[in-house]
Amino acid sequence: MAVYVLKIHENLLQTAIPVRYMDIELSYVGNGDVDIFVGGISYTRGELYRYLCSIGADTGNHIIHNLSLSSDPCELRIISNSSTPSHLVIRMYCRSDQGQTLGILSEHQMIKLAD
């Protein structure tokens, strides 16, 4: 089982253009199927979003589009039910309110930010 918990907000990346939306790409590395839960909780507004997807070796990946960010910190949770280590690859595409991609965070970069 893999669990990622990140505290995020619109200033996640310090750029001249504020980050307003994220696309999260989840890729499964392994055989069989894995179920992945992605949820966001704001401390002031409660649950923001909840997605459950199943990814298999035949589908390869799943993208969740247009997750909105605000100035309020919120908690992003990514949970999978696989027991295989290093089975999940995560990329976060940070975008402006006009849809321009401002940056891409890989799982390795997210771990460095957490440290």
N, C-alpha and C. Protein backbone atom coordinates (compact mmCIF):
# COMPACT_ATOMS: atom_id res chain seq x y z
N MET A 1 0.84 -1.17 0.00
CA MET A 1 0.00 0.00 0.00
C MET A 1 0.89 1.24 0.00
N ALA A 2 0.57 2.19 -0.83
CA ALA A 2 1.31 3.45 -0.88
C ALA A 2 0.38 4.56 -0.43
N VAL A 3 0.90 5.44 0.41
CA VAL A 3 0.12 6.59 0.88
C VAL A 3 0.97 7.83 0.75
N TYR A 4 0.45 8.83 0.05
CA TYR A 4 1.12 10.12 -0.06
C TYR A 4 0.15 11.16 0.50
N VAL A 5 0.62 11.98 1.40
CA VAL A 5 -0.18 13.07 1.95
C VAL A 5 0.63 14.35 1.77
N LEU A 6 0.08 15.29 0.98
CA LEU A 6 0.78 16.55 0.70
C LEU A 6 -0.10 17.71 1.11
N LYS A 7 0.49 18.70 1.69
CA LYS A 7 -0.22 19.95 1.97
C LYS A 7 0.05 20.88 0.79
N ILE A 8 -1.01 21.33 0.14
CA ILE A 8 -0.85 22.12 -1.07
C ILE A 8 -1.69 23.39 -0.99
N HIS A 9 -1.33 24.39 -1.78
CA HIS A 9 -2.11 25.60 -1.97
C HIS A 9 -1.63 26.27 -3.24
N GLU A 10 -2.23 27.39 -3.59
CA GLU A 10 -1.96 28.01 -4.90
C GLU A 10 -0.52 28.51 -5.04
N ASN A 11 0.18 28.69 -3.95
CA ASN A 11 1.57 29.12 -4.01
C ASN A 11 2.55 27.95 -3.94
N LEU A 12 2.09 26.78 -4.38
CA LEU A 12 2.92 25.58 -4.36
C LEU A 12 4.23 25.81 -5.10
N LEU A 13 4.15 26.44 -6.26
CA LEU A 13 5.35 26.83 -7.00
C LEU A 13 5.45 28.35 -6.97
N GLN A 14 6.59 28.86 -6.64
CA GLN A 14 6.78 30.31 -6.60
C GLN A 14 7.16 30.79 -8.00
N THR A 15 6.17 31.17 -8.76
CA THR A 15 6.40 31.69 -10.11
C THR A 15 5.74 33.06 -10.21
N ALA A 16 6.03 33.76 -11.28
CA ALA A 16 5.41 35.07 -11.51
C ALA A 16 3.91 34.92 -11.76
N ILE A 17 3.49 33.78 -12.29
CA ILE A 17 2.08 33.51 -12.57
C ILE A 17 1.59 32.51 -11.52
N PRO A 18 0.52 32.82 -10.79
CA PRO A 18 0.05 31.91 -9.74
C PRO A 18 -0.47 30.57 -10.30
N VAL A 19 -0.22 29.52 -9.56
CA VAL A 19 -0.74 28.19 -9.89
C VAL A 19 -2.17 28.12 -9.39
N ARG A 20 -3.11 27.78 -10.28
CA ARG A 20 -4.53 27.71 -9.92
C ARG A 20 -5.11 26.31 -10.04
N TYR A 21 -4.55 25.49 -10.95
CA TYR A 21 -5.08 24.16 -11.20
C TYR A 21 -3.95 23.14 -11.27
N MET A 22 -4.31 21.90 -11.03
CA MET A 22 -3.37 20.79 -11.18
C MET A 22 -4.04 19.68 -11.96
N ASP A 23 -3.26 19.01 -12.77
CA ASP A 23 -3.63 17.72 -13.34
C ASP A 23 -2.72 16.70 -12.67
N ILE A 24 -3.28 15.61 -12.21
CA ILE A 24 -2.47 14.57 -11.58
C ILE A 24 -2.49 13.34 -12.47
N GLU A 25 -1.30 12.91 -12.88
CA GLU A 25 -1.15 11.71 -13.70
C GLU A 25 -0.64 10.59 -12.81
N LEU A 26 -1.37 9.48 -12.81
CA LEU A 26 -1.02 8.31 -12.01
C LEU A 26 -0.71 7.18 -12.98
N SER A 27 0.47 6.58 -12.86
CA SER A 27 0.85 5.46 -13.70
C SER A 27 1.19 4.28 -12.82
N TYR A 28 0.74 3.11 -13.23
CA TYR A 28 0.97 1.88 -12.48
C TYR A 28 2.06 1.08 -13.16
N VAL A 29 3.06 0.67 -12.37
CA VAL A 29 4.16 -0.13 -12.88
C VAL A 29 4.03 -1.50 -12.23
N GLY A 30 3.56 -2.47 -12.98
CA GLY A 30 3.40 -3.81 -12.43
C GLY A 30 2.37 -4.60 -13.19
N ASN A 31 2.13 -5.80 -12.72
CA ASN A 31 1.15 -6.68 -13.34
C ASN A 31 -0.14 -6.63 -12.53
N GLY A 32 -1.24 -6.92 -13.18
CA GLY A 32 -2.51 -6.92 -12.48
C GLY A 32 -3.12 -5.53 -12.45
N ASP A 33 -3.99 -5.31 -11.47
CA ASP A 33 -4.70 -4.04 -11.33
C ASP A 33 -4.42 -3.44 -9.97
N VAL A 34 -4.58 -2.14 -9.89
CA VAL A 34 -4.45 -1.43 -8.61
C VAL A 34 -5.55 -0.37 -8.55
N ASP A 35 -6.14 -0.21 -7.36
CA ASP A 35 -7.12 0.84 -7.13
C ASP A 35 -6.42 2.00 -6.45
N ILE A 36 -6.71 3.21 -6.91
CA ILE A 36 -6.04 4.40 -6.38
C ILE A 36 -7.11 5.42 -6.00
N PHE A 37 -7.00 5.92 -4.78
CA PHE A 37 -7.89 6.96 -4.28
C PHE A 37 -7.13 8.28 -4.25
N VAL A 38 -7.74 9.33 -4.78
CA VAL A 38 -7.17 10.68 -4.70
C VAL A 38 -8.24 11.56 -4.08
N GLY A 39 -7.89 12.22 -2.99
CA GLY A 39 -8.86 13.08 -2.32
C GLY A 39 -8.21 14.35 -1.82
N GLY A 40 -9.00 15.42 -1.77
CA GLY A 40 -8.52 16.69 -1.26
C GLY A 40 -9.42 17.21 -0.17
N ILE A 41 -8.83 17.67 0.93
CA ILE A 41 -9.58 18.18 2.06
C ILE A 41 -9.04 19.55 2.44
N SER A 42 -9.92 20.53 2.52
CA SER A 42 -9.55 21.87 2.99
C SER A 42 -9.86 21.95 4.47
N TYR A 43 -9.02 22.63 5.21
CA TYR A 43 -9.23 22.74 6.65
C TYR A 43 -10.42 23.64 6.97
N THR A 44 -10.77 24.54 6.05
CA THR A 44 -11.87 25.46 6.30
C THR A 44 -13.14 25.08 5.52
N ARG A 45 -13.00 24.38 4.38
CA ARG A 45 -14.17 24.09 3.54
C ARG A 45 -14.54 22.62 3.48
N GLY A 46 -13.83 21.76 4.18
CA GLY A 46 -14.15 20.33 4.15
C GLY A 46 -13.62 19.65 2.89
N GLU A 47 -14.33 18.61 2.46
CA GLU A 47 -13.87 17.83 1.31
C GLU A 47 -14.01 18.62 0.02
N LEU A 48 -12.92 18.68 -0.76
CA LEU A 48 -12.91 19.41 -2.02
C LEU A 48 -13.18 18.50 -3.21
N TYR A 49 -12.58 17.32 -3.20
CA TYR A 49 -12.77 16.37 -4.29
C TYR A 49 -12.41 14.98 -3.82
N ARG A 50 -12.94 14.00 -4.58
CA ARG A 50 -12.66 12.59 -4.28
C ARG A 50 -12.74 11.81 -5.60
N TYR A 51 -11.69 11.09 -5.90
CA TYR A 51 -11.65 10.27 -7.11
C TYR A 51 -11.17 8.88 -6.74
N LEU A 52 -11.76 7.89 -7.35
CA LEU A 52 -11.31 6.51 -7.21
C LEU A 52 -11.16 5.96 -8.61
N CYS A 53 -9.97 5.46 -8.93
CA CYS A 53 -9.77 4.91 -10.27
C CYS A 53 -9.05 3.57 -10.14
N SER A 54 -9.23 2.75 -11.13
CA SER A 54 -8.56 1.46 -11.20
C SER A 54 -7.63 1.50 -12.41
N ILE A 55 -6.38 1.16 -12.18
CA ILE A 55 -5.39 1.17 -13.26
C ILE A 55 -4.80 -0.23 -13.36
N GLY A 56 -4.72 -0.74 -14.57
CA GLY A 56 -4.14 -2.05 -14.81
C GLY A 56 -3.00 -1.97 -15.79
N ALA A 57 -2.36 -3.10 -15.97
CA ALA A 57 -1.23 -3.16 -16.90
C ALA A 57 -1.68 -2.80 -18.32
N ASP A 58 -2.95 -3.07 -18.65
CA ASP A 58 -3.44 -2.77 -19.99
C ASP A 58 -3.74 -1.28 -20.18
N THR A 59 -4.20 -0.59 -19.12
CA THR A 59 -4.52 0.83 -19.25
C THR A 59 -3.29 1.70 -19.01
N GLY A 60 -2.42 1.33 -18.08
CA GLY A 60 -1.16 2.03 -17.88
C GLY A 60 -1.21 3.27 -17.02
N ASN A 61 -2.13 4.22 -17.33
CA ASN A 61 -2.15 5.43 -16.52
C ASN A 61 -3.56 6.03 -16.48
N HIS A 62 -3.70 7.01 -15.60
CA HIS A 62 -4.97 7.70 -15.44
C HIS A 62 -4.65 9.15 -15.10
N ILE A 63 -5.37 10.09 -15.72
CA ILE A 63 -5.13 11.51 -15.46
C ILE A 63 -6.40 12.13 -14.89
N ILE A 64 -6.24 12.84 -13.77
CA ILE A 64 -7.35 13.59 -13.19
C ILE A 64 -7.09 15.05 -13.52
N HIS A 65 -8.02 15.67 -14.23
CA HIS A 65 -7.84 17.03 -14.75
C HIS A 65 -8.48 18.08 -13.83
N ASN A 66 -7.90 19.27 -13.86
CA ASN A 66 -8.50 20.49 -13.31
C ASN A 66 -8.86 20.44 -11.83
N LEU A 67 -7.93 19.97 -11.02
CA LEU A 67 -8.12 20.08 -9.58
C LEU A 67 -7.77 21.50 -9.19
N SER A 68 -8.71 22.23 -8.62
CA SER A 68 -8.47 23.65 -8.34
C SER A 68 -7.72 23.82 -7.02
N LEU A 69 -6.88 24.85 -6.99
CA LEU A 69 -6.13 25.21 -5.80
C LEU A 69 -6.61 26.56 -5.30
N SER A 70 -6.49 26.78 -4.02
CA SER A 70 -6.86 28.07 -3.47
C SER A 70 -5.76 28.55 -2.54
N SER A 71 -5.94 29.74 -1.98
CA SER A 71 -4.94 30.25 -1.05
C SER A 71 -5.02 29.54 0.30
N ASP A 72 -6.14 28.84 0.56
CA ASP A 72 -6.25 28.04 1.78
C ASP A 72 -5.45 26.76 1.63
N PRO A 73 -4.62 26.44 2.59
CA PRO A 73 -3.91 25.16 2.52
C PRO A 73 -4.91 24.00 2.54
N CYS A 74 -4.64 22.98 1.76
CA CYS A 74 -5.47 21.79 1.81
C CYS A 74 -4.57 20.56 1.77
N GLU A 75 -5.14 19.45 2.05
CA GLU A 75 -4.38 18.21 2.12
C GLU A 75 -4.77 17.33 0.95
N LEU A 76 -3.79 16.92 0.18
CA LEU A 76 -3.99 16.01 -0.95
C LEU A 76 -3.56 14.63 -0.51
N ARG A 77 -4.44 13.64 -0.69
CA ARG A 77 -4.13 12.26 -0.31
C ARG A 77 -4.20 11.37 -1.54
N ILE A 78 -3.14 10.60 -1.75
CA ILE A 78 -3.10 9.61 -2.82
C ILE A 78 -2.80 8.27 -2.17
N ILE A 79 -3.73 7.34 -2.29
CA ILE A 79 -3.62 6.04 -1.60
C ILE A 79 -3.87 4.93 -2.61
N SER A 80 -2.99 3.94 -2.63
CA SER A 80 -3.20 2.78 -3.50
C SER A 80 -3.27 1.52 -2.66
N ASN A 81 -3.85 0.47 -3.22
CA ASN A 81 -4.00 -0.78 -2.48
C ASN A 81 -3.00 -1.86 -2.92
N SER A 82 -1.95 -1.47 -3.60
CA SER A 82 -0.94 -2.45 -4.02
C SER A 82 0.12 -2.61 -2.94
N SER A 83 0.60 -3.83 -2.77
CA SER A 83 1.65 -4.08 -1.78
C SER A 83 3.03 -4.14 -2.41
N THR A 84 3.11 -3.91 -3.72
CA THR A 84 4.40 -3.94 -4.42
C THR A 84 5.11 -2.61 -4.25
N PRO A 85 6.36 -2.61 -3.77
CA PRO A 85 7.09 -1.34 -3.64
C PRO A 85 7.34 -0.69 -5.00
N SER A 86 7.38 0.62 -5.02
CA SER A 86 7.68 1.41 -6.24
C SER A 86 6.75 1.04 -7.39
N HIS A 87 5.47 0.90 -7.11
CA HIS A 87 4.52 0.50 -8.14
C HIS A 87 3.77 1.67 -8.75
N LEU A 88 3.88 2.84 -8.16
CA LEU A 88 3.08 3.97 -8.58
C LEU A 88 3.99 5.13 -8.97
N VAL A 89 3.72 5.71 -10.14
CA VAL A 89 4.46 6.88 -10.59
C VAL A 89 3.46 8.03 -10.64
N ILE A 90 3.81 9.15 -9.99
CA ILE A 90 2.91 10.29 -9.89
C ILE A 90 3.57 11.51 -10.51
N ARG A 91 2.80 12.25 -11.30
CA ARG A 91 3.26 13.54 -11.82
C ARG A 91 2.14 14.55 -11.61
N MET A 92 2.50 15.73 -11.15
CA MET A 92 1.53 16.81 -10.97
C MET A 92 1.85 17.92 -11.95
N TYR A 93 0.90 18.25 -12.81
CA TYR A 93 1.05 19.32 -13.78
C TYR A 93 0.37 20.56 -13.20
N CYS A 94 1.16 21.58 -12.88
CA CYS A 94 0.64 22.80 -12.27
C CYS A 94 0.35 23.81 -13.37
N ARG A 95 -0.88 24.37 -13.35
CA ARG A 95 -1.30 25.24 -14.44
C ARG A 95 -1.87 26.55 -13.93
N SER A 96 -1.82 27.56 -14.78
CA SER A 96 -2.40 28.88 -14.47
C SER A 96 -3.90 28.83 -14.72
N ASP A 97 -4.59 29.92 -14.39
CA ASP A 97 -6.04 29.95 -14.63
C ASP A 97 -6.38 30.03 -16.11
N GLN A 98 -5.40 30.34 -16.98
CA GLN A 98 -5.60 30.29 -18.43
C GLN A 98 -5.24 28.92 -19.02
N GLY A 99 -4.81 27.98 -18.19
CA GLY A 99 -4.49 26.64 -18.66
C GLY A 99 -3.04 26.43 -19.05
N GLN A 100 -2.20 27.45 -18.89
CA GLN A 100 -0.79 27.34 -19.23
C GLN A 100 -0.07 26.47 -18.19
N THR A 101 0.70 25.49 -18.66
CA THR A 101 1.47 24.65 -17.75
C THR A 101 2.66 25.43 -17.22
N LEU A 102 2.72 25.57 -15.90
CA LEU A 102 3.79 26.35 -15.26
C LEU A 102 4.91 25.48 -14.74
N GLY A 103 4.62 24.23 -14.49
CA GLY A 103 5.65 23.33 -13.99
C GLY A 103 5.09 21.94 -13.79
N ILE A 104 5.99 20.98 -13.77
CA ILE A 104 5.62 19.58 -13.57
C ILE A 104 6.42 19.05 -12.39
N LEU A 105 5.73 18.49 -11.42
CA LEU A 105 6.39 17.89 -10.26
C LEU A 105 6.33 16.37 -10.38
N SER A 106 7.48 15.75 -10.33
CA SER A 106 7.52 14.29 -10.30
C SER A 106 7.46 13.83 -8.85
N GLU A 107 7.29 12.55 -8.67
CA GLU A 107 7.27 11.99 -7.32
C GLU A 107 8.58 12.30 -6.59
N HIS A 108 9.70 12.20 -7.29
CA HIS A 108 11.02 12.48 -6.69
C HIS A 108 11.08 13.94 -6.22
N GLN A 109 10.58 14.86 -7.03
CA GLN A 109 10.58 16.27 -6.65
C GLN A 109 9.66 16.55 -5.47
N MET A 110 8.51 15.84 -5.42
CA MET A 110 7.61 16.01 -4.29
C MET A 110 8.25 15.54 -3.00
N ILE A 111 9.00 14.45 -3.06
CA ILE A 111 9.70 13.97 -1.87
C ILE A 111 10.74 14.98 -1.42
N LYS A 112 11.44 15.59 -2.38
CA LYS A 112 12.44 16.61 -2.02
C LYS A 112 11.77 17.83 -1.39
N LEU A 113 10.59 18.23 -1.91
CA LEU A 113 9.86 19.34 -1.30
C LEU A 113 9.44 18.99 0.12
N ALA A 114 9.04 17.74 0.34
CA ALA A 114 8.61 17.32 1.67
C ALA A 114 9.77 17.32 2.65
N ASP A 115 10.97 17.04 2.17
CA ASP A 115 12.14 17.03 3.06
C ASP A 115 12.51 18.45 3.42
